[in-house]
Amino acid sequence: MNIWALKKDIPLKFLLLELVNRYGEKVVALNNTEQNFQAIDIHLPNEPKLSAYIYTFGQTQGLYGIDLRYPITTNNIVGENENLTLEQTIGIVVTHLF
């Protein structure tokens, strides 16, 4: 994936670059149906129902919000992880997806 070619907010590109630098290019996949400029939905290549929806809208500049999605939707965690630093966001993604 060419991260710089994505029409996404710069902090989201930084997040994707950091994930690629730490864990490799093929570790996470991007859900291309997410059209919001300030949001991405990432998942493991073979687990699209287990995903992390990461967004910058409604957050303090430079910080992230993250919703955790599970195969059983009643277990989703929405709106509880907001105004997180890059490191906090990566930590949650790693714990959730890996």
Protein backbone atom coordinates (compact mmCIF):
# COMPACT_ATOMS: atom_id res chain seq x y z
CA MET A 1 0.00 0.00 0.00
CA ASN A 2 1.28 3.44 -0.88
CA ILE A 3 0.47 5.29 2.34
CA TRP A 4 1.32 8.73 0.94
CA ALA A 5 -1.13 8.24 -1.96
CA LEU A 6 -4.04 7.67 0.45
CA LYS A 7 -6.47 10.57 0.74
CA LYS A 8 -6.31 10.56 4.52
CA ASP A 9 -5.42 12.98 7.30
CA ILE A 10 -1.62 13.29 7.85
CA PRO A 11 -1.71 11.91 11.44
CA LEU A 12 -3.41 8.75 10.10
CA LYS A 13 -0.65 8.37 7.53
CA PHE A 14 1.94 8.72 10.30
CA LEU A 15 0.16 6.00 12.26
CA LEU A 16 0.13 3.65 9.26
CA LEU A 17 3.80 4.37 8.54
CA GLU A 18 4.73 3.59 12.13
CA LEU A 19 2.80 0.30 12.04
CA VAL A 20 4.52 -0.67 8.78
CA ASN A 21 7.95 0.30 10.14
CA ARG A 22 7.47 -1.74 13.31
CA TYR A 23 5.55 -4.77 12.07
CA GLY A 24 5.93 -4.95 8.30
CA GLU A 25 3.80 -4.08 5.31
CA LYS A 26 1.60 -7.15 5.26
CA VAL A 27 0.65 -7.27 8.93
CA VAL A 28 -2.48 -5.11 8.65
CA ALA A 29 -4.92 -4.47 5.83
CA LEU A 30 -6.87 -1.31 5.16
CA ASN A 31 -10.62 -1.44 4.65
CA ASN A 32 -10.95 0.62 1.48
CA THR A 33 -14.67 1.26 1.93
CA GLU A 34 -13.97 3.82 4.68
CA GLN A 35 -14.43 7.14 2.90
CA ASN A 36 -13.97 9.62 5.76
CA PHE A 37 -10.78 11.68 5.25
CA GLN A 38 -10.17 11.60 9.01
CA ALA A 39 -10.70 7.87 9.60
CA ILE A 40 -9.23 4.49 8.70
CA ASP A 41 -10.41 0.98 9.44
CA ILE A 42 -7.60 -1.57 9.74
CA HIS A 43 -7.70 -5.30 10.30
CA LEU A 44 -5.58 -8.40 9.97
CA PRO A 45 -5.50 -9.64 6.37
CA ASN A 46 -7.57 -12.75 7.13
CA GLU A 47 -9.77 -11.27 9.90
CA PRO A 48 -11.83 -8.36 8.52
CA LYS A 49 -14.43 -8.65 11.30
CA LEU A 50 -11.77 -7.98 13.94
CA SER A 51 -10.79 -4.39 13.23
CA ALA A 52 -9.71 -1.07 14.65
CA TYR A 53 -11.47 2.09 13.47
CA ILE A 54 -9.06 4.95 14.06
CA TYR A 55 -10.10 8.55 13.64
CA THR A 56 -8.88 12.08 14.15
CA PHE A 57 -12.20 13.92 13.88
CA GLY A 58 -13.47 15.28 17.20
CA GLN A 59 -10.02 14.83 18.78
CA THR A 60 -7.45 17.33 19.99
CA GLN A 61 -5.08 18.12 17.13
CA GLY A 62 -2.47 15.39 16.72
CA LEU A 63 -4.39 12.86 18.85
CA TYR A 64 -6.50 9.85 17.92
CA GLY A 65 -9.70 8.08 18.80
CA ILE A 66 -10.08 4.34 18.29
CA ASP A 67 -13.09 2.04 18.23
CA LEU A 68 -12.49 -1.69 18.55
CA ARG A 69 -14.66 -3.99 16.48
CA TYR A 70 -15.14 -7.69 17.11
CA PRO A 71 -16.83 -10.50 15.14
CA ILE A 72 -19.63 -10.44 17.74
CA THR A 73 -20.76 -6.82 17.46
CA THR A 74 -22.19 -6.65 20.97
CA ASN A 75 -18.57 -6.77 22.20
CA ASN A 76 -17.50 -3.68 20.22
CA ILE A 77 -15.86 -0.89 22.20
CA VAL A 78 -16.98 2.45 20.76
CA GLY A 79 -16.23 5.96 22.01
CA GLU A 80 -14.19 4.92 25.04
CA ASN A 81 -10.68 5.50 23.67
CA GLU A 82 -10.26 9.13 22.69
CA ASN A 83 -7.58 11.83 22.62
CA LEU A 84 -4.81 9.22 22.57
CA THR A 85 -1.20 9.81 21.59
CA LEU A 86 0.36 7.92 18.70
CA GLU A 87 2.06 5.50 21.12
CA GLN A 88 -1.16 4.86 23.05
CA THR A 89 -3.03 4.22 19.81
CA ILE A 90 -0.38 1.81 18.52
CA GLY A 91 -0.42 -0.01 21.86
CA ILE A 92 -4.19 -0.52 21.64
CA VAL A 93 -3.98 -1.65 18.00
CA VAL A 94 -1.26 -4.16 18.82
CA THR A 95 -3.15 -5.54 21.80
CA HIS A 96 -6.41 -5.74 19.85
CA LEU A 97 -5.19 -7.18 16.56
CA PHE A 98 -2.04 -9.13 17.43
